[in-house]
Amino acid sequence: MTKSKLLQMHNTGIVVESLDEAISFFTELGLSLEGRAMIEGEWAGRVTALGAQQVEVAMMVTPDGHSRLELSRFITPPVAADHRNTPVNALGYLRVMFAVSDIDETLARLYKRGAQLVGEVVQYGDVYRLCYVRGPEGLLIGLAEPLGGNE
């Protein structure tokens, strides 16, 4: 029997209150809206163990087409917990990190969409300039600018 193998990482999912604001923010960052749909029905509730559910989903894709971000807005059932303002050392999924060509220019654009710098922009050796920002609804986003041709 042949061992099953992992093919790829398909997407990272984030639950939001405002799908429009999140789409706008991630579009400004450089992702494209791949599709938007309502997910509902008995089959969906079986996958999530939430029973009857109605969820509006938007799939965002990176410019290279290799990574996706699934944004979900739950209509029913209501959101069960809120982790938007947890510190960066909280247990669980932390953040999504994006490589950008110019961190300063990216920050300037994201500030116009309400982003707030968490700490400061730092340089990691001669490899990256890095920072965390809080996007819409307190989402933690990492930005990394490769230095010295490390793109």
N, C-alpha and C. Protein backbone atom coordinates (compact mmCIF):
# COMPACT_ATOMS: atom_id res chain seq x y z
N MET A 1 0.84 -1.18 0.00
CA MET A 1 0.00 0.00 0.00
C MET A 1 0.88 1.24 0.00
N THR A 2 0.63 2.16 -0.92
CA THR A 2 1.41 3.38 -1.02
C THR A 2 0.96 4.39 0.02
N LYS A 3 1.94 5.02 0.66
CA LYS A 3 1.64 6.02 1.68
C LYS A 3 1.12 7.29 1.02
N SER A 4 0.04 7.83 1.54
CA SER A 4 -0.51 9.09 1.07
C SER A 4 0.49 10.20 1.32
N LYS A 5 0.54 11.21 0.42
CA LYS A 5 1.46 12.31 0.63
C LYS A 5 0.73 13.64 0.59
N LEU A 6 1.25 14.60 1.30
CA LEU A 6 0.72 15.95 1.30
C LEU A 6 0.99 16.58 -0.06
N LEU A 7 -0.02 17.17 -0.67
CA LEU A 7 0.14 17.78 -1.99
C LEU A 7 0.50 19.25 -1.92
N GLN A 8 -0.15 20.00 -1.05
CA GLN A 8 0.13 21.43 -0.90
C GLN A 8 -0.67 21.96 0.28
N MET A 9 -0.30 23.16 0.77
CA MET A 9 -1.14 23.85 1.74
C MET A 9 -2.10 24.68 0.92
N HIS A 10 -3.39 24.48 1.09
CA HIS A 10 -4.37 25.14 0.24
C HIS A 10 -4.71 26.55 0.69
N ASN A 11 -5.04 26.73 1.99
CA ASN A 11 -5.38 28.07 2.45
C ASN A 11 -5.30 28.16 3.96
N THR A 12 -5.32 29.40 4.44
CA THR A 12 -5.46 29.70 5.86
C THR A 12 -6.80 30.40 6.02
N GLY A 13 -7.56 30.03 7.04
CA GLY A 13 -8.88 30.61 7.23
C GLY A 13 -8.90 31.59 8.39
N ILE A 14 -9.62 32.70 8.18
CA ILE A 14 -9.80 33.71 9.21
C ILE A 14 -11.28 34.07 9.27
N VAL A 15 -11.85 34.08 10.48
CA VAL A 15 -13.24 34.47 10.67
C VAL A 15 -13.28 35.96 10.99
N VAL A 16 -14.13 36.70 10.29
CA VAL A 16 -14.23 38.15 10.45
C VAL A 16 -15.69 38.56 10.61
N GLU A 17 -15.91 39.77 11.12
CA GLU A 17 -17.27 40.32 11.20
C GLU A 17 -17.63 41.03 9.90
N SER A 18 -16.68 41.77 9.33
CA SER A 18 -16.95 42.51 8.10
C SER A 18 -16.11 41.95 6.96
N LEU A 19 -16.77 41.19 6.12
CA LEU A 19 -16.09 40.60 4.97
C LEU A 19 -15.61 41.69 4.02
N ASP A 20 -16.42 42.73 3.82
CA ASP A 20 -16.03 43.81 2.91
C ASP A 20 -14.76 44.52 3.37
N GLU A 21 -14.67 44.83 4.67
CA GLU A 21 -13.46 45.49 5.19
C GLU A 21 -12.24 44.60 5.05
N ALA A 22 -12.39 43.33 5.36
CA ALA A 22 -11.26 42.40 5.25
C ALA A 22 -10.81 42.24 3.80
N ILE A 23 -11.76 42.13 2.88
CA ILE A 23 -11.42 42.02 1.46
C ILE A 23 -10.67 43.28 1.01
N SER A 24 -11.16 44.44 1.42
CA SER A 24 -10.52 45.70 1.06
C SER A 24 -9.09 45.76 1.58
N PHE A 25 -8.88 45.37 2.83
CA PHE A 25 -7.55 45.39 3.45
C PHE A 25 -6.59 44.46 2.71
N PHE A 26 -7.01 43.22 2.48
CA PHE A 26 -6.12 42.27 1.84
C PHE A 26 -5.92 42.57 0.36
N THR A 27 -6.89 43.22 -0.28
CA THR A 27 -6.70 43.69 -1.65
C THR A 27 -5.63 44.78 -1.68
N GLU A 28 -5.69 45.69 -0.71
CA GLU A 28 -4.67 46.75 -0.60
C GLU A 28 -3.29 46.15 -0.38
N LEU A 29 -3.22 45.06 0.37
CA LEU A 29 -1.94 44.39 0.60
C LEU A 29 -1.40 43.77 -0.68
N GLY A 30 -2.29 43.38 -1.60
CA GLY A 30 -1.85 42.81 -2.87
C GLY A 30 -2.49 41.50 -3.25
N LEU A 31 -3.38 40.97 -2.41
CA LEU A 31 -4.10 39.75 -2.76
C LEU A 31 -5.26 40.09 -3.69
N SER A 32 -5.73 39.12 -4.42
CA SER A 32 -6.88 39.30 -5.31
C SER A 32 -8.04 38.44 -4.83
N LEU A 33 -9.24 38.96 -5.03
CA LEU A 33 -10.44 38.20 -4.69
C LEU A 33 -10.64 37.14 -5.76
N GLU A 34 -10.56 35.88 -5.35
CA GLU A 34 -10.72 34.77 -6.28
C GLU A 34 -12.19 34.39 -6.42
N GLY A 35 -12.95 34.56 -5.34
CA GLY A 35 -14.37 34.23 -5.38
C GLY A 35 -15.03 34.51 -4.04
N ARG A 36 -16.33 34.63 -4.09
CA ARG A 36 -17.12 34.92 -2.89
C ARG A 36 -18.41 34.13 -3.00
N ALA A 37 -18.81 33.46 -1.91
CA ALA A 37 -20.00 32.62 -1.98
C ALA A 37 -20.59 32.42 -0.59
N MET A 38 -21.85 32.01 -0.58
CA MET A 38 -22.54 31.64 0.65
C MET A 38 -22.42 30.12 0.78
N ILE A 39 -21.97 29.67 1.94
CA ILE A 39 -21.85 28.25 2.21
C ILE A 39 -22.91 27.90 3.26
N GLU A 40 -23.81 27.00 2.89
CA GLU A 40 -24.87 26.61 3.81
C GLU A 40 -25.38 25.25 3.43
N GLY A 41 -26.13 24.69 4.31
CA GLY A 41 -26.70 23.38 4.03
C GLY A 41 -26.20 22.34 5.00
N GLU A 42 -26.86 21.24 4.98
CA GLU A 42 -26.61 20.15 5.91
C GLU A 42 -25.18 19.62 5.79
N TRP A 43 -24.66 19.51 4.57
CA TRP A 43 -23.31 18.98 4.37
C TRP A 43 -22.26 19.88 5.05
N ALA A 44 -22.44 21.20 5.00
CA ALA A 44 -21.48 22.13 5.58
C ALA A 44 -21.43 21.97 7.09
N GLY A 45 -22.57 21.82 7.72
CA GLY A 45 -22.64 21.62 9.15
C GLY A 45 -22.01 20.32 9.60
N ARG A 46 -22.04 19.32 8.75
CA ARG A 46 -21.38 18.04 9.08
C ARG A 46 -19.87 18.20 9.07
N VAL A 47 -19.32 19.01 8.19
CA VAL A 47 -17.87 19.23 8.12
C VAL A 47 -17.39 19.98 9.36
N THR A 48 -18.10 21.01 9.76
CA THR A 48 -17.67 21.89 10.86
C THR A 48 -18.18 21.46 12.24
N ALA A 49 -19.12 20.55 12.28
CA ALA A 49 -19.78 20.11 13.52
C ALA A 49 -20.57 21.25 14.16
N LEU A 50 -21.01 22.22 13.36
CA LEU A 50 -21.81 23.34 13.87
C LEU A 50 -23.29 23.19 13.57
N GLY A 51 -23.68 22.11 12.92
CA GLY A 51 -25.09 21.92 12.58
C GLY A 51 -25.49 22.88 11.47
N ALA A 52 -26.72 23.36 11.54
CA ALA A 52 -27.20 24.29 10.51
C ALA A 52 -26.35 25.55 10.56
N GLN A 53 -25.76 25.91 9.45
CA GLN A 53 -24.92 27.08 9.41
C GLN A 53 -25.11 27.84 8.11
N GLN A 54 -24.81 29.11 8.17
CA GLN A 54 -24.82 29.96 7.00
C GLN A 54 -23.58 30.84 7.13
N VAL A 55 -22.66 30.70 6.18
CA VAL A 55 -21.37 31.38 6.24
C VAL A 55 -21.07 31.99 4.88
N GLU A 56 -20.76 33.29 4.87
CA GLU A 56 -20.32 33.93 3.64
C GLU A 56 -18.80 33.85 3.60
N VAL A 57 -18.25 33.35 2.50
CA VAL A 57 -16.82 33.09 2.38
C VAL A 57 -16.27 33.85 1.18
N ALA A 58 -15.07 34.42 1.38
CA ALA A 58 -14.33 35.05 0.28
C ALA A 58 -12.96 34.40 0.22
N MET A 59 -12.54 33.98 -0.96
CA MET A 59 -11.22 33.38 -1.13
C MET A 59 -10.31 34.41 -1.78
N MET A 60 -9.23 34.74 -1.08
CA MET A 60 -8.24 35.68 -1.58
C MET A 60 -7.01 34.88 -2.02
N VAL A 61 -6.33 35.32 -3.07
CA VAL A 61 -5.16 34.60 -3.58
C VAL A 61 -3.98 35.56 -3.72
N THR A 62 -2.79 35.05 -3.41
CA THR A 62 -1.57 35.85 -3.53
C THR A 62 -1.21 36.03 -5.01
N PRO A 63 -0.40 37.05 -5.32
CA PRO A 63 -0.06 37.31 -6.72
C PRO A 63 0.59 36.12 -7.44
N ASP A 64 1.34 35.29 -6.71
CA ASP A 64 1.98 34.14 -7.36
C ASP A 64 1.03 32.97 -7.55
N GLY A 65 -0.18 33.07 -6.98
CA GLY A 65 -1.17 32.01 -7.15
C GLY A 65 -0.96 30.79 -6.27
N HIS A 66 0.06 30.81 -5.40
CA HIS A 66 0.37 29.63 -4.60
C HIS A 66 -0.29 29.60 -3.23
N SER A 67 -0.70 30.76 -2.72
CA SER A 67 -1.27 30.81 -1.37
C SER A 67 -2.63 31.47 -1.39
N ARG A 68 -3.50 31.00 -0.50
CA ARG A 68 -4.85 31.54 -0.41
C ARG A 68 -5.20 31.84 1.04
N LEU A 69 -6.06 32.82 1.19
CA LEU A 69 -6.59 33.22 2.48
C LEU A 69 -8.10 33.14 2.38
N GLU A 70 -8.73 32.31 3.20
CA GLU A 70 -10.18 32.18 3.19
C GLU A 70 -10.75 33.02 4.32
N LEU A 71 -11.52 34.02 3.96
CA LEU A 71 -12.17 34.90 4.93
C LEU A 71 -13.61 34.45 5.08
N SER A 72 -14.05 34.24 6.32
CA SER A 72 -15.40 33.73 6.57
C SER A 72 -16.15 34.66 7.51
N ARG A 73 -17.42 34.92 7.18
CA ARG A 73 -18.31 35.69 8.04
C ARG A 73 -19.49 34.78 8.39
N PHE A 74 -19.56 34.38 9.67
CA PHE A 74 -20.63 33.50 10.11
C PHE A 74 -21.90 34.31 10.36
N ILE A 75 -22.96 33.91 9.68
CA ILE A 75 -24.28 34.50 9.89
C ILE A 75 -25.00 33.69 10.96
N THR A 76 -25.02 32.36 10.78
CA THR A 76 -25.50 31.43 11.80
C THR A 76 -24.59 30.21 11.79
N PRO A 77 -24.26 29.66 12.91
CA PRO A 77 -24.50 30.16 14.25
C PRO A 77 -23.62 31.39 14.52
N PRO A 78 -23.92 32.12 15.61
CA PRO A 78 -23.10 33.29 15.93
C PRO A 78 -21.67 32.89 16.30
N VAL A 79 -20.76 33.83 16.17
CA VAL A 79 -19.36 33.60 16.54
C VAL A 79 -19.28 33.20 18.02
N ALA A 80 -18.47 32.21 18.32
CA ALA A 80 -18.42 31.65 19.67
C ALA A 80 -17.35 32.28 20.56
N ALA A 81 -16.27 32.79 19.99
CA ALA A 81 -15.18 33.35 20.79
C ALA A 81 -14.53 34.48 20.00
N ASP A 82 -13.83 35.35 20.72
CA ASP A 82 -13.20 36.51 20.09
C ASP A 82 -11.74 36.59 20.52
N HIS A 83 -10.85 36.34 19.58
CA HIS A 83 -9.41 36.33 19.87
C HIS A 83 -8.69 37.51 19.21
N ARG A 84 -9.45 38.53 18.78
CA ARG A 84 -8.86 39.61 17.99
C ARG A 84 -7.82 40.44 18.71
N ASN A 85 -7.89 40.54 19.99
CA ASN A 85 -6.95 41.39 20.70
C ASN A 85 -6.00 40.62 21.61
N THR A 86 -5.83 39.33 21.34
CA THR A 86 -4.90 38.55 22.14
C THR A 86 -3.47 38.97 21.79
N PRO A 87 -2.56 38.91 22.75
CA PRO A 87 -1.18 39.29 22.49
C PRO A 87 -0.49 38.27 21.59
N VAL A 88 0.66 38.65 21.05
CA VAL A 88 1.36 37.79 20.10
C VAL A 88 1.91 36.51 20.73
N ASN A 89 1.86 36.38 22.06
CA ASN A 89 2.32 35.14 22.68
C ASN A 89 1.17 34.26 23.16
N ALA A 90 -0.06 34.51 22.65
CA ALA A 90 -1.21 33.68 23.00
C ALA A 90 -1.13 32.33 22.28
N LEU A 91 -1.64 31.29 22.93
CA LEU A 91 -1.66 29.97 22.30
C LEU A 91 -2.63 29.95 21.13
N GLY A 92 -2.35 29.13 20.16
CA GLY A 92 -3.23 28.98 19.01
C GLY A 92 -2.61 29.61 17.78
N TYR A 93 -3.41 29.71 16.74
CA TYR A 93 -2.92 30.30 15.50
C TYR A 93 -2.59 31.75 15.74
N LEU A 94 -1.43 32.17 15.29
CA LEU A 94 -0.95 33.50 15.62
C LEU A 94 -1.25 34.52 14.53
N ARG A 95 -0.70 34.32 13.36
CA ARG A 95 -0.77 35.34 12.33
C ARG A 95 -0.47 34.73 10.97
N VAL A 96 -0.71 35.53 9.94
CA VAL A 96 -0.32 35.19 8.59
C VAL A 96 0.83 36.13 8.23
N MET A 97 1.91 35.61 7.68
CA MET A 97 3.07 36.43 7.29
C MET A 97 3.12 36.52 5.77
N PHE A 98 3.29 37.76 5.29
CA PHE A 98 3.40 38.00 3.86
C PHE A 98 4.76 38.60 3.54
N ALA A 99 5.40 38.16 2.47
CA ALA A 99 6.63 38.78 1.97
C ALA A 99 6.21 39.94 1.07
N VAL A 100 6.83 41.10 1.28
CA VAL A 100 6.54 42.29 0.49
C VAL A 100 7.85 42.87 -0.06
N SER A 101 7.76 43.58 -1.17
CA SER A 101 8.98 44.13 -1.78
C SER A 101 9.45 45.40 -1.09
N ASP A 102 8.56 46.16 -0.46
CA ASP A 102 8.92 47.41 0.21
C ASP A 102 8.03 47.57 1.43
N ILE A 103 8.57 47.29 2.60
CA ILE A 103 7.76 47.29 3.82
C ILE A 103 7.25 48.68 4.16
N ASP A 104 8.04 49.72 3.92
CA ASP A 104 7.62 51.08 4.25
C ASP A 104 6.45 51.53 3.38
N GLU A 105 6.53 51.26 2.09
CA GLU A 105 5.44 51.62 1.18
C GLU A 105 4.19 50.81 1.49
N THR A 106 4.35 49.54 1.81
CA THR A 106 3.21 48.69 2.17
C THR A 106 2.54 49.21 3.43
N LEU A 107 3.34 49.56 4.43
CA LEU A 107 2.77 50.10 5.67
C LEU A 107 2.00 51.39 5.40
N ALA A 108 2.55 52.27 4.57
CA ALA A 108 1.87 53.53 4.26
C ALA A 108 0.49 53.27 3.66
N ARG A 109 0.39 52.28 2.78
CA ARG A 109 -0.90 51.95 2.16
C ARG A 109 -1.85 51.33 3.18
N LEU A 110 -1.33 50.43 4.03
CA LEU A 110 -2.18 49.75 4.99
C LEU A 110 -2.65 50.67 6.12
N TYR A 111 -1.83 51.68 6.48
CA TYR A 111 -2.27 52.66 7.48
C TYR A 111 -3.54 53.34 7.03
N LYS A 112 -3.67 53.58 5.72
CA LYS A 112 -4.88 54.22 5.18
C LYS A 112 -6.10 53.33 5.32
N ARG A 113 -5.90 52.04 5.54
CA ARG A 113 -6.99 51.08 5.75
C ARG A 113 -7.15 50.73 7.23
N GLY A 114 -6.51 51.52 8.10
CA GLY A 114 -6.68 51.35 9.53
C GLY A 114 -5.67 50.46 10.22
N ALA A 115 -4.66 49.98 9.51
CA ALA A 115 -3.64 49.12 10.13
C ALA A 115 -2.88 49.90 11.20
N GLN A 116 -2.47 49.19 12.24
CA GLN A 116 -1.66 49.78 13.31
C GLN A 116 -0.44 48.90 13.53
N LEU A 117 0.73 49.52 13.58
CA LEU A 117 1.96 48.81 13.84
C LEU A 117 1.92 48.28 15.27
N VAL A 118 2.26 47.00 15.47
CA VAL A 118 2.22 46.39 16.80
C VAL A 118 3.42 46.81 17.63
N GLY A 119 4.60 46.65 17.11
CA GLY A 119 5.82 47.05 17.81
C GLY A 119 6.53 48.06 16.94
N GLU A 120 7.59 47.60 16.28
CA GLU A 120 8.32 48.45 15.35
C GLU A 120 8.85 47.60 14.22
N VAL A 121 9.29 48.25 13.17
CA VAL A 121 9.93 47.54 12.06
C VAL A 121 11.36 47.27 12.49
N VAL A 122 11.77 46.01 12.42
CA VAL A 122 13.12 45.62 12.83
C VAL A 122 13.82 44.92 11.68
N GLN A 123 15.14 44.87 11.77
CA GLN A 123 15.92 44.16 10.76
C GLN A 123 16.50 42.91 11.38
N TYR A 124 16.29 41.77 10.72
CA TYR A 124 16.82 40.49 11.15
C TYR A 124 18.07 40.22 10.32
N GLY A 125 19.22 40.53 10.90
CA GLY A 125 20.49 40.36 10.18
C GLY A 125 20.44 41.09 8.85
N ASP A 126 20.99 40.45 7.82
CA ASP A 126 20.90 41.03 6.49
C ASP A 126 19.91 40.25 5.63
N VAL A 127 18.93 39.60 6.31
CA VAL A 127 17.99 38.72 5.63
C VAL A 127 16.63 39.38 5.40
N TYR A 128 16.03 39.98 6.45
CA TYR A 128 14.68 40.54 6.36
C TYR A 128 14.55 41.81 7.18
N ARG A 129 13.60 42.66 6.78
CA ARG A 129 13.01 43.67 7.64
C ARG A 129 11.64 43.12 7.98
N LEU A 130 11.24 43.17 9.24
CA LEU A 130 10.02 42.51 9.71
C LEU A 130 9.19 43.42 10.58
N CYS A 131 7.87 43.20 10.57
CA CYS A 131 6.99 43.86 11.53
C CYS A 131 5.67 43.10 11.59
N TYR A 132 4.91 43.41 12.65
CA TYR A 132 3.54 42.94 12.78
C TYR A 132 2.64 44.17 12.73
N VAL A 133 1.49 44.02 12.09
CA VAL A 133 0.46 45.06 12.11
C VAL A 133 -0.85 44.41 12.52
N ARG A 134 -1.72 45.23 13.10
CA ARG A 134 -3.09 44.81 13.35
C ARG A 134 -3.93 45.39 12.24
N GLY A 135 -4.62 44.53 11.53
CA GLY A 135 -5.49 44.95 10.45
C GLY A 135 -6.91 45.12 10.94
N PRO A 136 -7.88 45.01 10.03
CA PRO A 136 -9.28 45.16 10.44
C PRO A 136 -9.63 44.13 11.51
N GLU A 137 -10.42 44.57 12.48
CA GLU A 137 -10.89 43.70 13.55
C GLU A 137 -9.76 43.12 14.39
N GLY A 138 -8.59 43.79 14.38
CA GLY A 138 -7.47 43.35 15.20
C GLY A 138 -6.69 42.17 14.65
N LEU A 139 -6.94 41.78 13.38
CA LEU A 139 -6.21 40.65 12.80
C LEU A 139 -4.72 40.94 12.82
N LEU A 140 -3.93 39.97 13.26
CA LEU A 140 -2.48 40.12 13.33
C LEU A 140 -1.88 39.64 12.00
N ILE A 141 -1.16 40.54 11.34
CA ILE A 141 -0.55 40.25 10.04
C ILE A 141 0.94 40.54 10.15
N GLY A 142 1.77 39.63 9.66
CA GLY A 142 3.21 39.84 9.63
C GLY A 142 3.63 40.28 8.23
N LEU A 143 4.59 41.18 8.18
CA LEU A 143 5.17 41.63 6.91
C LEU A 143 6.68 41.39 6.95
N ALA A 144 7.23 40.85 5.87
CA ALA A 144 8.66 40.59 5.79
C ALA A 144 9.18 41.09 4.45
N GLU A 145 10.16 41.97 4.49
CA GLU A 145 10.81 42.46 3.27
C GLU A 145 12.15 41.76 3.13
N PRO A 146 12.31 40.89 2.14
CA PRO A 146 13.59 40.21 1.95
C PRO A 146 14.66 41.24 1.56
N LEU A 147 15.85 41.07 2.13
CA LEU A 147 16.96 41.96 1.82
C LEU A 147 18.03 41.19 1.04
N GLY A 148 18.78 41.90 0.24
CA GLY A 148 19.91 41.27 -0.45
C GLY A 148 19.54 40.21 -1.46
N GLY A 149 18.42 40.38 -2.13
CA GLY A 149 18.04 39.43 -3.19
C GLY A 149 17.48 38.12 -2.68
N ASN A 150 16.92 38.09 -1.47
CA ASN A 150 16.36 36.87 -0.90
C ASN A 150 14.90 36.65 -1.26
N GLU A 151 14.37 37.32 -2.26
CA GLU A 151 12.93 37.21 -2.59
C GLU A 151 12.57 35.86 -3.13
